[in-house]
Protein backbone atom coordinates (compact mmCIF):
# COMPACT_ATOMS: atom_id res chain seq x y z
CA MET A 1 -1.66 20.50 -2.38
CA ILE A 2 -0.63 16.85 -2.45
CA GLN A 3 0.92 17.09 1.00
CA LYS A 4 -2.21 18.72 2.45
CA LEU A 5 -4.46 16.07 0.89
CA LEU A 6 -2.34 13.15 2.01
CA SER A 7 -1.84 14.62 5.47
CA PHE A 8 -5.62 14.81 5.85
CA LYS A 9 -6.01 11.19 4.77
CA LEU A 10 -3.21 10.21 7.11
CA LEU A 11 -4.84 11.88 10.10
CA VAL A 12 -8.18 10.21 9.35
CA LEU A 13 -6.61 6.78 9.03
CA MET A 14 -4.50 7.28 12.16
CA CYS A 15 -7.65 8.07 14.14
CA VAL A 16 -9.33 4.95 12.78
CA MET A 17 -6.29 2.81 13.50
CA TRP A 18 -5.87 3.98 17.07
CA SER A 19 -9.59 3.86 17.84
CA GLY A 20 -9.63 0.09 17.44
CA LEU A 21 -12.20 0.27 14.63
CA ALA A 22 -9.80 -0.34 11.76
CA ALA A 23 -11.70 -3.34 10.45
CA ASN A 24 -14.62 -1.13 9.50
CA VAL A 25 -12.43 0.82 7.07
CA ILE A 26 -9.36 -1.31 6.39
CA ALA A 27 -10.98 -4.42 4.95
CA ALA A 28 -9.71 -6.67 2.19
CA SER A 29 -13.24 -7.87 1.49
CA ASN A 30 -14.13 -4.42 0.13
CA VAL A 31 -12.86 -5.65 -3.25
CA THR A 32 -15.83 -6.48 -5.47
CA VAL A 33 -16.10 -8.11 -8.86
CA GLN A 34 -16.82 -5.52 -11.56
CA THR A 35 -18.54 -6.22 -14.87
CA LYS A 36 -16.07 -3.94 -16.67
CA PRO A 37 -12.40 -3.09 -16.09
CA ALA A 38 -11.91 -0.72 -13.16
CA ILE A 39 -9.03 1.12 -11.55
CA GLN A 40 -7.68 -0.84 -8.60
CA HIS A 41 -6.99 1.21 -5.47
CA MET A 42 -5.04 0.30 -2.34
CA VAL A 43 -4.13 2.22 0.82
CA VAL A 44 -1.49 0.90 3.25
CA LEU A 45 -1.15 2.58 6.64
CA SER A 46 1.98 1.56 8.56
CA LYS A 47 2.89 2.26 12.15
CA ALA A 48 6.36 1.45 13.50
CA ILE A 49 7.20 0.71 17.12
CA ASP A 50 8.65 4.24 17.46
CA ASN A 51 5.25 5.65 16.35
CA THR A 52 6.53 6.67 12.92
CA ILE A 53 3.62 6.65 10.48
CA THR A 54 3.69 6.09 6.71
CA LEU A 55 0.81 6.21 4.27
CA GLU A 56 1.10 4.74 0.79
CA GLU A 57 -1.78 4.98 -1.67
CA THR A 58 -1.66 3.19 -5.02
CA TRP A 59 -3.88 3.29 -8.10
CA TYR A 60 -3.46 0.78 -10.93
CA ASN A 61 -5.27 0.68 -14.28
CA PRO A 62 -5.31 -2.93 -15.61
CA GLN A 63 -6.30 -1.74 -19.08
CA ASN A 64 -3.10 0.18 -19.85
CA SER A 65 -0.85 -0.51 -16.81
CA ASP A 66 -0.85 3.12 -15.61
CA ILE A 67 0.32 3.35 -11.99
CA ARG A 68 0.19 6.16 -9.46
CA ILE A 69 1.68 6.04 -5.95
CA ASP A 70 1.28 8.75 -3.30
CA TYR A 71 3.45 8.44 -0.20
CA VAL A 72 3.75 10.31 3.11
CA TYR A 73 6.37 9.68 5.80
CA LEU A 74 5.62 11.20 9.21
CA PRO A 75 8.26 10.74 11.94
CA PHE A 76 6.90 10.84 15.47
CA LEU A 77 7.10 14.37 16.96
CA ASN A 78 9.44 15.60 14.23
CA SER A 79 7.58 17.66 11.64
CA ASN A 80 10.85 18.91 10.14
CA LYS A 81 11.47 15.48 8.62
CA VAL A 82 8.08 14.97 6.99
CA GLU A 83 8.42 13.67 3.43
CA SER A 84 5.88 13.14 0.67
CA TRP A 85 6.01 12.24 -3.00
CA LYS A 86 3.80 11.33 -5.90
CA ARG A 87 4.88 9.12 -8.80
CA ILE A 88 2.87 8.49 -11.95
CA GLU A 89 3.89 6.01 -14.65
CA THR A 90 2.00 6.20 -17.93
CA GLN A 91 2.44 5.10 -21.56
CA GLY A 92 2.92 1.53 -20.44
CA GLY A 93 5.36 2.62 -17.76
CA LYS A 94 7.70 4.39 -20.19
CA LEU A 95 6.94 7.90 -18.90
CA ARG A 96 7.59 8.48 -15.20
CA TYR A 97 6.61 11.71 -13.47
CA GLU A 98 7.58 12.52 -9.87
CA LEU A 99 6.63 15.32 -7.50
CA LYS A 100 8.57 15.29 -4.22
CA ASN A 101 8.49 17.30 -1.02
CA ILE A 102 11.49 16.30 1.07
CA LYS A 103 11.76 18.27 4.31
CA GLY A 104 10.17 21.32 2.68
CA THR A 105 12.14 21.17 -0.59
CA VAL A 106 9.85 20.56 -3.56
CA THR A 107 11.11 19.04 -6.82
CA GLU A 108 9.28 18.03 -9.98
CA GLU A 109 10.72 15.95 -12.79
CA THR A 110 10.01 13.38 -15.45
CA GLN A 111 12.02 10.72 -17.22
CA THR A 112 11.63 8.26 -20.04
CA VAL A 113 12.13 4.68 -18.91
CA LYS A 114 13.73 2.33 -21.43
CA TYR A 115 13.18 -0.90 -19.53
CA VAL A 116 9.76 -1.06 -17.88
CA ASN A 117 9.51 -2.95 -14.58
CA ASN A 118 5.79 -3.28 -13.93
CA PRO A 119 5.19 -5.46 -10.84
CA TYR A 120 1.67 -6.30 -11.99
CA SER A 121 2.36 -7.08 -15.66
CA LEU A 122 2.07 -10.88 -15.34
CA THR A 123 -1.42 -10.89 -13.82
CA HIS A 124 -2.60 -7.44 -15.00
CA SER A 125 -4.05 -7.10 -11.51
CA MET A 126 -2.60 -5.44 -8.43
CA PHE A 127 -4.88 -7.50 -6.17
CA LYS A 128 -3.96 -10.87 -7.73
CA THR A 129 -0.25 -10.04 -7.61
CA ILE A 130 -0.42 -9.12 -3.92
CA ALA A 131 -2.44 -12.26 -3.11
CA SER A 132 0.04 -14.50 -4.97
CA GLY A 133 2.84 -13.23 -2.73
CA TYR A 134 1.20 -15.00 0.22
CA GLN A 135 0.83 -18.31 -1.62
CA THR A 136 4.56 -19.13 -1.76
CA LYS A 137 6.05 -21.98 0.24
CA ASP A 138 7.82 -19.68 2.72
CA TRP A 139 4.41 -18.83 4.19
CA SER A 140 2.83 -21.38 6.53
CA TYR A 141 -0.80 -21.59 7.59
CA VAL A 142 -1.34 -20.95 11.30
CA GLY A 143 -5.12 -21.19 11.42
CA SER A 144 -8.26 -19.10 11.32
CA THR A 145 -8.84 -16.24 13.71
CA VAL A 146 -11.22 -13.33 14.17
CA LEU A 147 -9.88 -9.88 13.40
CA ASN A 148 -12.21 -7.09 14.53
CA GLY A 149 -15.27 -9.27 14.14
CA LYS A 150 -14.28 -10.85 10.82
CA GLU A 151 -12.89 -14.33 10.26
CA VAL A 152 -9.50 -14.28 8.50
CA LYS A 153 -6.74 -16.72 7.63
CA LYS A 154 -3.57 -16.31 9.69
CA VAL A 155 -0.26 -17.14 8.00
CA LYS A 156 3.36 -16.54 8.97
CA ARG A 157 6.88 -16.69 7.62
CA ILE A 158 10.37 -16.35 9.06
CA VAL A 159 11.98 -13.34 7.42
CA ALA A 160 15.46 -13.64 8.90
CA ILE A 161 17.16 -16.13 11.20
CA LYS A 162 19.83 -14.87 13.59
CA SER A 163 19.98 -15.50 17.31
CA ASP A 164 16.21 -14.92 17.27
CA PRO A 165 14.02 -15.13 14.16
CA ASN A 166 12.16 -12.18 12.72
CA VAL A 167 8.61 -13.30 12.03
CA GLU A 168 5.99 -11.75 9.76
CA ILE A 169 2.33 -12.57 10.38
CA ALA A 170 -0.39 -11.77 7.85
CA TYR A 171 -4.16 -11.85 8.26
CA LEU A 172 -5.72 -12.72 4.91
CA ASP A 173 -9.22 -12.39 3.59
CA PRO A 174 -10.45 -16.00 3.13
CA VAL A 175 -11.90 -15.24 -0.32
CA THR A 176 -9.43 -12.87 -1.97
CA CYS A 177 -6.31 -13.97 0.00
CA ILE A 178 -5.13 -10.37 0.23
CA PRO A 179 -4.10 -9.02 3.64
CA SER A 180 -6.22 -6.96 5.99
CA LYS A 181 -3.33 -6.62 8.42
CA VAL A 182 0.37 -7.55 8.55
CA GLU A 183 2.58 -7.56 11.65
CA MET A 184 6.37 -7.84 11.94
CA PHE A 185 7.97 -9.20 15.11
CA ALA A 186 11.68 -9.17 15.92
CA GLY A 187 14.07 -10.46 18.56
CA GLY A 188 11.80 -13.22 19.81
CA ASN A 189 9.19 -10.71 21.00
CA TYR A 190 5.78 -11.90 19.79
CA ILE A 191 3.74 -9.49 21.90
CA THR A 192 4.58 -6.06 20.50
CA PRO A 193 5.12 -5.84 16.72
CA VAL A 194 7.91 -3.60 15.47
CA LEU A 195 5.77 -2.76 12.44
CA THR A 196 2.02 -2.98 11.82
CA LYS A 197 0.36 -2.45 8.43
CA LEU A 198 -3.35 -1.98 7.79
CA TYR A 199 -4.80 -2.35 4.29
CA TYR A 200 -7.77 -0.90 2.43
CA TYR A 201 -8.79 -1.95 -1.09
CA ASP A 202 -11.48 -0.91 -3.53
CA GLU A 203 -12.14 -0.48 -7.24
CA ILE A 204 -12.92 2.81 -8.97
CA THR A 205 -15.13 2.91 -12.05
CA THR A 206 -14.99 6.66 -12.63
CA SER A 207 -12.73 8.39 -15.15
CA SER A 208 -8.99 7.85 -14.70
CA GLU A 209 -7.94 11.12 -16.34
CA ASP A 210 -7.52 13.04 -13.08
CA ILE A 211 -5.88 10.17 -11.22
CA PHE A 212 -3.08 9.63 -13.75
CA ALA A 213 -2.84 13.20 -15.04
CA VAL A 214 0.69 14.40 -15.83
CA PRO A 215 1.29 18.18 -16.13
CA THR A 216 1.13 19.26 -19.78
CA LYS A 217 4.72 20.52 -19.84
CA PHE A 218 5.92 16.99 -19.03
CA LYS A 219 3.82 15.12 -21.57
CA THR A 220 5.43 13.54 -24.64
CA ASN A 221 3.89 12.49 -27.93
């Protein structure tokens, strides 16, 4: 079921991405200020230079630090290597449940985590944590530009220096400072990115029970 659902989402986002209308769906400015705590939701669609597609969807509950990540890996023209998995971390990150489908082999397991490593624990916000990653001194401001009809801040950093630098360029929402798009360039080629990521963010105010539900047989008291 998870693979069918994610595959559908993947196909929809791929069509949007390749149609040139990504800004209408993948927009950092979709994040709104809520009057009560809400579940933060992020979708990242990545396309590599070899046309490999990955889709990663994350839900985060700031109230109790529950996290869920759904992931699909789709190699270009090679359906035998499709991979998908779902990971849910509840009870403050101490209970981790995983459902994996690796090349047709499905596994399901859970584990108790002694040392919790929650990437959003300092800010209690997935959005603020992501935005802070682009405020470090290794990122430099390039200027403002228009991305699909919307003005964004353009920043860059050098990821690795060899004979030619690998450069990462991010297009940030001017208000939230979270990315709408990120491009990676390698080998001195600044025309064709080796990796492109498109981002979608929103907040969910409905019940979180279904989103972070762990099968009963894996629950602990």
